C-alpha atoms as a PDB file:
ATOM      1  CA  GLY A   1       2.973  -9.332   7.081  1.00  0.00           C
ATOM      2  CA  ARG A   2       6.539 -10.105   6.201  1.00  0.00           C
ATOM      3  CA  LEU A   3       7.100  -6.855   4.343  1.00  0.00           C
ATOM      4  CA  ARG A   4       5.306  -4.537   6.701  1.00  0.00           C
ATOM      5  CA  GLY A   5       7.633  -1.666   7.565  1.00  0.00           C
ATOM      6  CA  LEU A   6      10.424  -2.798   5.190  1.00  0.00           C
ATOM      7  CA  HIS A   7      11.821  -0.420   2.666  1.00  0.00           C
ATOM      8  CA  VAL A   8      12.331  -1.753  -0.838  1.00  0.00           C
ATOM      9  CA  SER A   9      16.131  -1.172  -0.359  1.00  0.00           C
ATOM     10  CA  ASP A  10      16.232  -3.503   2.643  1.00  0.00           C
ATOM     11  CA  PRO A  11      17.930  -6.824   2.080  1.00  0.00           C
ATOM     12  CA  ALA A  12      14.981  -8.578   3.913  1.00  0.00           C
ATOM     13  CA  PHE A  13      12.642  -7.051   1.286  1.00  0.00           C
ATOM     14  CA  ALA A  14      14.828  -8.533  -1.581  1.00  0.00           C
ATOM     15  CA  ALA A  15      14.887 -11.911   0.146  1.00  0.00           C
ATOM     16  CA  ALA A  16      11.048 -11.907   0.511  1.00  0.00           C
ATOM     17  CA  PHE A  17      10.676 -10.899  -3.084  1.00  0.00           C
ATOM     18  CA  ARG A  18      12.877 -13.781  -4.173  1.00  0.00           C
ATOM     19  CA  ASP A  19      10.879 -16.204  -2.015  1.00  0.00           C
ATOM     20  CA  PHE A  20       7.555 -14.927  -3.442  1.00  0.00           C
ATOM     21  CA  THR A  21       8.750 -15.078  -6.991  1.00  0.00           C
ATOM     22  CA  ARG A  22      10.639 -18.453  -6.652  1.00  0.00           C
ATOM     23  CA  HIS A  23       8.922 -21.143  -8.776  1.00  0.00           C
ATOM     24  CA  GLU A  24       7.533 -23.940  -6.545  1.00  0.00           C
ATOM     25  CA  ALA A  25       5.459 -27.039  -7.428  1.00  0.00           C
ATOM     26  CA  GLY A  26       1.995 -25.712  -8.204  1.00  0.00           C
ATOM     27  CA  ASP A  27       3.209 -22.196  -7.564  1.00  0.00           C
ATOM     28  CA  ARG A  28       2.170 -22.511  -3.960  1.00  0.00           C
ATOM     29  CA  TRP A  29       4.133 -21.944  -0.627  1.00  0.00           C
ATOM     30  CA  PRO A  30       5.570 -25.217   0.610  1.00  0.00           C
ATOM     31  CA  GLU A  31       3.658 -27.022   3.403  1.00  0.00           C
ATOM     32  CA  ASP A  32       6.670 -26.598   5.668  1.00  0.00           C
ATOM     33  CA  HIS A  33       6.915 -22.760   5.187  1.00  0.00           C
ATOM     34  CA  PRO A  34       7.793 -20.910   8.489  1.00  0.00           C
ATOM     35  CA  ASP A  35       4.605 -18.926   8.289  1.00  0.00           C
ATOM     36  CA  PRO A  36       1.675 -21.406   8.992  1.00  0.00           C
ATOM     37  CA  GLY A  37      -0.776 -18.918   7.327  1.00  0.00           C
ATOM     38  CA  ALA A  38       1.142 -19.208   4.067  1.00  0.00           C
ATOM     39  CA  ARG A  39       1.507 -23.021   3.828  1.00  0.00           C
ATOM     40  CA  GLY A  40      -0.016 -24.337   0.691  1.00  0.00           C
ATOM     41  CA  ARG A  41      -1.427 -20.938  -0.460  1.00  0.00           C
ATOM     42  CA  PRO A  42      -0.810 -19.684  -3.936  1.00  0.00           C
ATOM     43  CA  LYS A  43       2.296 -17.697  -4.601  1.00  0.00           C
ATOM     44  CA  ASP A  44       0.476 -15.300  -6.928  1.00  0.00           C
ATOM     45  CA  GLY A  45      -0.429 -11.647  -7.307  1.00  0.00           C
ATOM     46  CA  ALA A  46       1.024  -8.230  -7.360  1.00  0.00           C
ATOM     47  CA  ILE A  47       3.160  -6.371  -4.757  1.00  0.00           C
ATOM     48  CA  LEU A  48       2.138  -2.734  -4.787  1.00  0.00           C
ATOM     49  CA  LEU A  49       4.634  -0.170  -3.387  1.00  0.00           C
ATOM     50  CA  SER A  50       4.310   3.463  -2.496  1.00  0.00           C
ATOM     51  CA  THR A  51       6.405   6.085  -4.093  1.00  0.00           C
ATOM     52  CA  SER A  52       8.450   6.131  -0.807  1.00  0.00           C
ATOM     53  CA  GLY A  53       9.305   2.489  -1.232  1.00  0.00           C
ATOM     54  CA  TYR A  54       7.079   0.766   1.288  1.00  0.00           C
ATOM     55  CA  ARG A  55       4.566  -1.886   0.438  1.00  0.00           C
ATOM     56  CA  ILE A  56       0.897  -0.932   0.068  1.00  0.00           C
ATOM     57  CA  LYS A  57      -0.509  -4.332  -0.761  1.00  0.00           C
ATOM     58  CA  CYS A  58       1.003  -7.796  -1.298  1.00  0.00           C
ATOM     59  CA  ALA A  59      -0.177 -10.807  -3.284  1.00  0.00           C
ATOM     60  CA  VAL A  60      -3.170  -8.862  -4.715  1.00  0.00           C
ATOM     61  CA  LYS A  61      -5.028  -9.686  -7.849  1.00  0.00           C
ATOM     62  CA  LEU A  62      -5.281  -6.878 -10.373  1.00  0.00           C
ATOM     63  CA  LEU A  63      -8.441  -6.931 -12.442  1.00  0.00           C
ATOM     64  CA  GLY A  64      -9.995  -4.889 -15.185  1.00  0.00           C
ATOM     65  CA  LEU A  65      -6.830  -3.332 -16.552  1.00  0.00           C
ATOM     66  CA  CYS A  66      -6.560  -3.387 -20.311  1.00  0.00           C
ATOM     67  CA  PRO A  67      -3.143  -3.049 -21.911  1.00  0.00           C
ATOM     68  CA  ALA A  68      -2.333  -0.410 -24.341  1.00  0.00           C
ATOM     69  CA  ALA A  69      -0.038  -2.655 -26.343  1.00  0.00           C
ATOM     70  CA  THR A  70       0.720  -6.326 -26.683  1.00  0.00           C
ATOM     71  CA  TRP A  71       3.720  -8.229 -25.272  1.00  0.00           C
ATOM     72  CA  ARG A  72       4.238 -11.267 -27.533  1.00  0.00           C
ATOM     73  CA  ASN A  73       5.083 -14.677 -26.235  1.00  0.00           C
ATOM     74  CA  VAL A  74       4.433 -13.970 -22.466  1.00  0.00           C
ATOM     75  CA  GLY A  75       1.695 -15.118 -20.150  1.00  0.00           C
ATOM     76  CA  THR A  76      -0.870 -13.384 -18.103  1.00  0.00           C
ATOM     77  CA  LYS A  77       1.526 -12.289 -15.370  1.00  0.00           C
ATOM     78  CA  HIS A  78       3.415 -10.235 -17.861  1.00  0.00           C
ATOM     79  CA  GLU A  79       0.294  -8.809 -19.460  1.00  0.00           C
ATOM     80  CA  ALA A  80      -1.042  -7.805 -16.115  1.00  0.00           C
ATOM     81  CA  ALA A  81       2.267  -6.024 -15.370  1.00  0.00           C
ATOM     82  CA  LEU A  82       2.077  -4.286 -18.762  1.00  0.00           C
ATOM     83  CA  SER A  83      -1.566  -3.178 -17.950  1.00  0.00           C
ATOM     84  CA  CYS A  84      -0.570  -1.877 -14.568  1.00  0.00           C
ATOM     85  CA  ALA A  85       2.420   0.154 -15.946  1.00  0.00           C
ATOM     86  CA  TRP A  86       0.056   1.634 -18.516  1.00  0.00           C
ATOM     87  CA  ALA A  87      -2.775   2.422 -16.160  1.00  0.00           C
ATOM     88  CA  VAL A  88      -0.808   3.857 -13.185  1.00  0.00           C
ATOM     89  CA  GLN A  89       0.908   7.066 -13.857  1.00  0.00           C
ATOM     90  CA  GLY A  90       4.530   7.060 -12.794  1.00  0.00           C
ATOM     91  CA  ALA A  91       4.489   3.263 -12.078  1.00  0.00           C
ATOM     92  CA  LEU A  92       7.555   1.139 -12.289  1.00  0.00           C
ATOM     93  CA  VAL A  93       6.645  -2.496 -12.759  1.00  0.00           C
ATOM     94  CA  LEU A  94       8.852  -5.583 -12.092  1.00  0.00           C
ATOM     95  CA  VAL A  95       7.802  -8.999 -13.248  1.00  0.00           C
ATOM     96  CA  ARG A  96       9.717 -12.171 -12.771  1.00  0.00           C
ATOM     97  CA  SER A  97       9.427 -14.921 -15.423  1.00  0.00           C
ATOM     98  CA  ASP A  98       9.327 -18.534 -14.558  1.00  0.00           C
ATOM     99  CA  SER A  99      12.859 -18.696 -16.048  1.00  0.00           C
ATOM    100  CA  GLY A 100      13.962 -16.398 -13.368  1.00  0.00           C
ATOM    101  CA  THR A 101      14.435 -13.362 -15.700  1.00  0.00           C
ATOM    102  CA  LEU A 102      13.308 -10.112 -14.058  1.00  0.00           C
ATOM    103  CA  HIS A 103      11.754  -7.540 -16.336  1.00  0.00           C
ATOM    104  CA  LEU A 104      11.317  -3.755 -15.564  1.00  0.00           C
END
């Protein structure tokens, strides 16, 4: 994968994160994407990082987490982020809105 072996501080990691969170038509990778395996696939899911700053999983679906609070006027992506932050001790959660705003 594109993030394998990249530390979160690496500029290539930041570029990949921007690509993953960039809003596209239908929220899918473009058909002309350089990685043939990504073409047309959903740009969806979570990126999970270790405490040392390396990726554990990418584009994963988080299921079964219940938030401890509500986050008004946001969608399921933000609610999943809130649930993850609540469920995983010591977690830092970043979520990018469709507007481009990044929330921590």
